[in-house]
């Protein structure tokens, strides 16, 4: 084999190796996998969890969907008296649904998993969130002031983050006395 043929053969082998390497890496990072679909109806577990100032969530039994409510306590001025807010219109309040695999890893975790599959996000656009909190022990350090939050969602309507037509409606969902006020880590 002459020198030119060897160079061409070597170039073809390197090119094929690069193409196969790209497709292998793409498969591992789910580039070609379709985005998870938002189910028409989701049933979340009865028990919820939480952290932060205020972050509460529930997942479904398969860990393929989760709903969360994030509310800035100081901005929304919570107390033990219930206050009702408009979802999608109240500054400091975010209500979301994540759909994908291993969703529970996405919440109240100080370390992101590099192998966490990409999830689809649905944003709360309308409905009502009624929120109350228990008394807070101000003598504790700021990062460890455990208290509980109760959040009731009513007629919450969710749409895909990217503007697609998927819509999920949650008639009523209660997060009852969820321990919050602590930071992961």
Protein backbone atom coordinates (compact mmCIF):
# COMPACT_ATOMS: atom_id res chain seq x y z
CA UNK A 1 0.00 0.00 0.00
CA UNK A 2 1.44 3.36 -0.94
CA UNK A 3 1.78 6.33 1.36
CA UNK A 4 -1.27 8.21 -0.04
CA UNK A 5 -3.55 5.20 0.42
CA UNK A 6 -2.33 4.78 4.01
CA UNK A 7 -3.08 8.45 4.77
CA UNK A 8 -6.58 8.15 3.26
CA UNK A 9 -7.26 4.93 5.20
CA UNK A 10 -6.00 6.51 8.43
CA UNK A 11 -8.19 9.60 7.85
CA UNK A 12 -11.27 7.43 7.23
CA UNK A 13 -10.63 5.39 10.40
CA UNK A 14 -10.15 8.53 12.52
CA UNK A 15 -13.31 10.06 11.00
CA UNK A 16 -15.36 6.92 11.73
CA UNK A 17 -14.02 6.81 15.28
CA UNK A 18 -15.04 10.45 15.78
CA UNK A 19 -18.55 9.81 14.39
CA UNK A 20 -19.06 6.70 16.56
CA UNK A 21 -17.67 8.55 19.59
CA UNK A 22 -20.10 11.41 19.00
CA UNK A 23 -23.10 9.08 18.76
CA UNK A 24 -21.99 7.16 21.84
CA UNK A 25 -21.65 10.39 23.84
CA UNK A 26 -24.96 11.65 22.47
CA UNK A 27 -26.72 8.46 23.55
CA UNK A 28 -25.24 8.66 27.04
CA UNK A 29 -26.39 12.26 27.49
CA UNK A 30 -29.81 11.66 25.92
CA UNK A 31 -29.33 14.19 23.12
CA UNK A 32 -31.36 12.03 20.74
CA UNK A 33 -33.88 10.86 23.32
CA UNK A 34 -37.24 12.54 23.05
CA UNK A 35 -38.15 14.96 25.79
CA UNK A 36 -40.33 13.38 28.44
CA UNK A 37 -44.02 13.82 27.75
CA UNK A 38 -46.27 15.50 30.22
CA UNK A 39 -48.93 13.02 31.30
CA UNK A 40 -52.55 14.12 31.09
CA UNK A 41 -53.16 13.19 34.72
CA UNK A 42 -50.65 12.90 37.57
CA UNK A 43 -51.31 11.49 41.04
CA UNK A 44 -48.84 12.74 43.61
CA UNK A 45 -48.00 10.92 46.84
CA UNK A 46 -49.83 12.01 49.95
CA UNK A 47 -46.64 12.86 51.84
CA UNK A 48 -44.66 15.90 50.82
CA UNK A 49 -41.25 17.23 51.78
CA UNK A 50 -39.60 20.60 51.92
CA UNK A 51 -36.66 22.81 52.74
CA UNK A 52 -35.54 26.40 52.44
CA UNK A 53 -37.68 29.44 52.86
CA UNK A 54 -40.39 28.07 51.65
CA UNK A 55 -39.96 25.16 49.24
CA UNK A 56 -42.39 22.23 49.32
CA UNK A 57 -42.75 19.35 46.87
CA UNK A 58 -44.44 16.04 46.19
CA UNK A 59 -43.56 13.34 43.70
CA UNK A 60 -45.55 10.56 42.11
CA UNK A 61 -44.98 6.93 43.15
CA UNK A 62 -42.79 6.19 40.10
CA UNK A 63 -40.52 9.23 40.71
CA UNK A 64 -41.29 10.44 37.17
CA UNK A 65 -43.16 13.63 38.10
CA UNK A 66 -42.93 16.17 40.86
CA UNK A 67 -44.76 19.32 41.80
CA UNK A 68 -43.14 22.11 43.79
CA UNK A 69 -44.08 25.42 45.33
CA UNK A 70 -41.35 27.92 46.01
CA UNK A 71 -42.32 31.03 47.96
CA UNK A 72 -40.17 33.82 49.31
CA UNK A 73 -41.27 34.24 52.91
CA UNK A 74 -40.08 37.82 53.33
CA UNK A 75 -41.50 39.01 50.01
CA UNK A 76 -44.94 37.45 50.56
CA UNK A 77 -45.06 38.22 54.32
CA UNK A 78 -46.32 34.85 55.61
CA UNK A 79 -47.73 34.20 59.04
CA UNK A 80 -49.81 31.58 60.80
CA UNK A 81 -52.84 33.20 59.18
CA UNK A 82 -53.60 31.79 55.72
CA UNK A 83 -52.91 34.08 52.78
CA UNK A 84 -54.05 33.38 49.23
CA UNK A 85 -51.99 34.27 46.16
CA UNK A 86 -52.61 34.14 42.42
CA UNK A 87 -50.37 31.54 40.74
CA UNK A 88 -48.42 33.08 37.88
CA UNK A 89 -49.14 36.63 39.03
CA UNK A 90 -47.59 36.87 42.52
CA UNK A 91 -43.98 38.02 42.65
CA UNK A 92 -42.03 35.64 44.88
CA UNK A 93 -44.23 32.60 44.16
CA UNK A 94 -43.31 29.85 41.69
CA UNK A 95 -45.34 26.69 41.14
CA UNK A 96 -43.88 24.06 38.78
CA UNK A 97 -44.18 20.48 37.66
CA UNK A 98 -41.15 18.49 36.52
CA UNK A 99 -41.63 15.37 34.38
CA UNK A 100 -38.80 12.91 33.66
CA UNK A 101 -36.79 10.28 35.52
CA UNK A 102 -35.52 10.38 39.10
CA UNK A 103 -37.31 13.66 39.79
CA UNK A 104 -36.88 13.49 43.59
CA UNK A 105 -33.14 14.14 43.09
CA UNK A 106 -34.03 17.60 41.76
CA UNK A 107 -35.45 18.87 45.07
CA UNK A 108 -33.79 19.98 48.34
CA UNK A 109 -30.42 18.68 47.29
CA UNK A 110 -27.18 20.65 47.55
CA UNK A 111 -25.31 18.47 45.04
CA UNK A 112 -26.48 18.19 41.45
CA UNK A 113 -26.17 14.73 39.92
CA UNK A 114 -24.28 15.02 36.60
CA UNK A 115 -26.14 11.93 35.35
CA UNK A 116 -29.58 13.38 36.15
CA UNK A 117 -31.73 12.94 33.05
CA UNK A 118 -33.16 16.11 31.55
CA UNK A 119 -36.71 16.79 32.66
CA UNK A 120 -39.58 18.73 31.16
CA UNK A 121 -40.75 21.75 33.14
CA UNK A 122 -44.33 22.94 33.29
CA UNK A 123 -44.97 26.38 34.76
CA UNK A 124 -47.96 27.29 36.93
CA UNK A 125 -49.86 29.99 35.04
CA UNK A 126 -53.10 30.38 36.97
CA UNK A 127 -54.99 29.21 40.01
CA UNK A 128 -54.66 29.94 43.70
CA UNK A 129 -52.08 29.05 46.36
CA UNK A 130 -53.09 29.44 49.99
CA UNK A 131 -50.09 29.43 52.33
CA UNK A 132 -49.59 29.56 56.10
CA UNK A 133 -46.58 28.83 58.31
CA UNK A 134 -46.06 27.85 61.92
CA UNK A 135 -44.23 30.06 64.40
CA UNK A 136 -40.49 30.36 63.77
CA UNK A 137 -37.90 29.93 66.52
CA UNK A 138 -35.87 33.10 65.92
CA UNK A 139 -33.26 31.98 68.49
CA UNK A 140 -31.94 29.36 66.06
CA UNK A 141 -29.31 30.16 63.39
CA UNK A 142 -30.84 31.56 60.18
CA UNK A 143 -30.06 28.36 58.19
CA UNK A 144 -31.69 26.10 60.77
CA UNK A 145 -34.94 27.79 61.78
CA UNK A 146 -37.19 24.80 61.31
CA UNK A 147 -40.88 25.53 60.98
CA UNK A 148 -43.73 24.06 58.97
CA UNK A 149 -45.63 25.33 55.96
CA UNK A 150 -49.05 24.36 54.70
CA UNK A 151 -49.78 25.07 51.04
CA UNK A 152 -53.09 24.43 49.30
CA UNK A 153 -53.22 24.65 45.51
CA UNK A 154 -56.62 25.12 43.88
CA UNK A 155 -57.40 25.03 40.16
CA UNK A 156 -53.69 25.27 39.30
CA UNK A 157 -53.12 25.29 35.54
CA UNK A 158 -49.70 24.39 34.15
CA UNK A 159 -48.26 24.91 30.66
CA UNK A 160 -44.98 23.76 29.14
CA UNK A 161 -42.05 26.09 29.70
CA UNK A 162 -41.32 26.17 25.96
CA UNK A 163 -44.84 27.27 25.06
CA UNK A 164 -46.14 23.95 23.69
CA UNK A 165 -49.78 23.10 24.20
CA UNK A 166 -49.51 20.55 27.03
CA UNK A 167 -51.71 21.61 29.89
CA UNK A 168 -52.13 19.98 33.26
CA UNK A 169 -54.76 21.10 35.73
CA UNK A 170 -54.54 20.28 39.43
CA UNK A 171 -57.98 20.76 41.01
CA UNK A 172 -56.76 20.64 44.59
CA UNK A 173 -53.50 19.56 46.22
CA UNK A 174 -52.50 20.01 49.86
CA UNK A 175 -49.01 20.13 51.34
CA UNK A 176 -49.85 19.77 55.04
CA UNK A 177 -47.38 20.83 57.76
CA UNK A 178 -44.23 20.32 55.65
CA UNK A 179 -40.97 20.89 57.55
CA UNK A 180 -39.12 23.83 55.99
CA UNK A 181 -36.70 26.51 57.20
CA UNK A 182 -33.57 24.39 56.84
CA UNK A 183 -31.01 24.45 54.05
CA UNK A 184 -29.60 21.30 52.37
CA UNK A 185 -25.96 20.58 52.97
